[in-house]
Amino acid sequence: MIQQKIRHDPATALIRAVLSLAKGDAALEEHRGTSWASATFTEMRHVMRLRFEGEQAVTTARWLANILPEHEFAISAHLVADIAVAETHRRCEGTPAMTLIIEALTVEAD
């Protein structure tokens, strides 16, 4: 019997998890992922840009920025070793808007 290790895509899983936390108030504008592997670890560094438009969405963005570093993610076959909001950009004139730049590190779990 041939056994094959199924590799799960940590980028898609992380994006889905973060967007789920954003309660439908965010739009993913960009994601960049960089893979890296050593003899003991396989990891991916992620940078994503989320856009929030409208007062309710900006409130959600503030909430997300506060809880994100302590949130425990359930991503199949991966651990979120680190996640943080690296930058925030806020627009006050016209429709309120906020952009969050999120950086994360996922590590493949055995």
Protein backbone atom coordinates (compact mmCIF):
# COMPACT_ATOMS: atom_id res chain seq x y z
CA MET A 1 0.00 0.00 0.00
CA ILE A 2 1.39 3.39 -0.99
CA GLN A 3 0.94 6.13 1.58
CA GLN A 4 1.22 9.69 0.43
CA LYS A 5 1.42 12.69 2.71
CA ILE A 6 -1.28 15.16 1.73
CA ARG A 7 0.01 18.71 1.74
CA HIS A 8 -2.50 21.32 2.75
CA ASP A 9 -2.27 24.87 1.47
CA PRO A 10 -1.57 27.10 4.48
CA ALA A 11 -2.06 30.34 2.51
CA THR A 12 -5.64 29.58 1.49
CA ALA A 13 -6.50 28.26 4.95
CA LEU A 14 -5.04 31.32 6.69
CA ILE A 15 -6.79 33.75 4.33
CA ARG A 16 -10.12 32.00 4.90
CA ALA A 17 -9.62 32.02 8.68
CA VAL A 18 -8.75 35.73 8.82
CA LEU A 19 -11.60 36.70 6.49
CA SER A 20 -13.98 34.64 8.63
CA LEU A 21 -12.85 36.56 11.71
CA ALA A 22 -13.52 39.80 9.78
CA LYS A 23 -17.21 38.82 9.62
CA GLY A 24 -17.63 39.68 5.94
CA ASP A 25 -16.45 43.28 6.48
CA ALA A 26 -13.07 42.85 4.74
CA ALA A 27 -11.88 42.48 1.18
CA LEU A 28 -8.56 40.78 0.48
CA GLU A 29 -6.58 43.12 -1.76
CA GLU A 30 -3.31 41.20 -1.81
CA HIS A 31 -1.55 38.13 -0.41
CA ARG A 32 2.11 37.26 -0.82
CA GLY A 33 3.52 34.03 0.49
CA THR A 34 7.13 32.94 0.67
CA SER A 35 7.92 29.30 1.41
CA TRP A 36 11.00 28.18 3.25
CA ALA A 37 12.19 24.74 4.39
CA SER A 38 15.01 23.30 6.45
CA ALA A 39 15.77 19.78 7.60
CA THR A 40 13.32 20.20 10.48
CA PHE A 41 10.72 22.80 9.40
CA THR A 42 8.61 23.78 6.44
CA GLU A 43 7.17 27.22 6.82
CA MET A 44 5.57 30.04 4.92
CA ARG A 45 5.73 33.76 5.57
CA HIS A 46 2.55 35.60 4.64
CA VAL A 47 1.79 39.25 4.02
CA MET A 48 -1.82 40.15 3.33
CA ARG A 49 -3.59 43.44 2.82
CA LEU A 50 -7.23 43.68 3.92
CA ARG A 51 -9.50 46.62 3.10
CA PHE A 52 -12.43 47.64 5.31
CA GLU A 53 -14.95 50.25 4.07
CA GLY A 54 -17.72 51.89 6.10
CA GLU A 55 -18.12 52.66 9.79
CA GLN A 56 -19.08 49.10 10.79
CA ALA A 57 -16.19 47.66 8.80
CA VAL A 58 -13.70 50.06 10.42
CA THR A 59 -15.00 48.99 13.84
CA THR A 60 -14.43 45.37 12.80
CA ALA A 61 -10.90 46.25 11.58
CA ARG A 62 -10.02 47.78 14.96
CA TRP A 63 -11.40 44.72 16.76
CA LEU A 64 -9.50 42.35 14.46
CA ALA A 65 -6.24 44.25 14.94
CA ASN A 66 -6.63 43.87 18.72
CA ILE A 67 -7.49 40.17 18.88
CA LEU A 68 -5.39 38.82 16.01
CA PRO A 69 -2.05 38.37 17.85
CA GLU A 70 -3.67 36.20 20.54
CA HIS A 71 -6.13 34.30 18.35
CA GLU A 72 -5.63 30.53 18.13
CA PHE A 73 -6.12 29.33 14.57
CA ALA A 74 -7.23 25.84 13.60
CA ILE A 75 -5.51 25.24 10.26
CA SER A 76 -5.18 21.66 9.11
CA ALA A 77 -1.58 20.38 9.23
CA HIS A 78 -0.15 23.82 10.10
CA LEU A 79 0.47 26.01 13.11
CA VAL A 80 0.24 29.77 13.01
CA ALA A 81 3.49 30.49 14.83
CA ASP A 82 3.16 34.27 14.64
CA ILE A 83 0.64 36.78 13.34
CA ALA A 84 0.48 40.55 13.76
CA VAL A 85 -0.86 43.70 12.18
CA ALA A 86 2.26 45.36 10.78
CA GLU A 87 0.57 48.53 9.46
CA THR A 88 -2.77 50.28 9.55
CA HIS A 89 -3.94 53.00 7.20
CA ARG A 90 -7.11 54.95 7.94
CA ARG A 91 -9.14 57.24 5.69
CA CYS A 92 -11.52 59.59 7.48
CA GLU A 93 -12.81 61.83 4.68
CA GLY A 94 -15.76 60.52 2.70
CA THR A 95 -16.64 56.93 3.53
CA PRO A 96 -14.50 55.79 6.47
CA ALA A 97 -12.03 53.09 5.47
CA MET A 98 -9.13 51.20 6.99
CA THR A 99 -6.46 48.97 5.51
CA LEU A 100 -4.62 46.39 7.61
CA ILE A 101 -1.30 44.89 6.56
CA ILE A 102 -1.03 41.53 8.32
CA GLU A 103 2.15 39.49 8.57
CA ALA A 104 2.08 35.85 9.63
CA LEU A 105 4.25 32.77 9.84
CA THR A 106 2.81 29.28 9.40
CA VAL A 107 4.76 26.12 10.16
CA GLU A 108 3.89 22.67 8.87
CA ALA A 109 2.91 20.37 11.72
CA ASP A 110 3.70 16.66 11.53
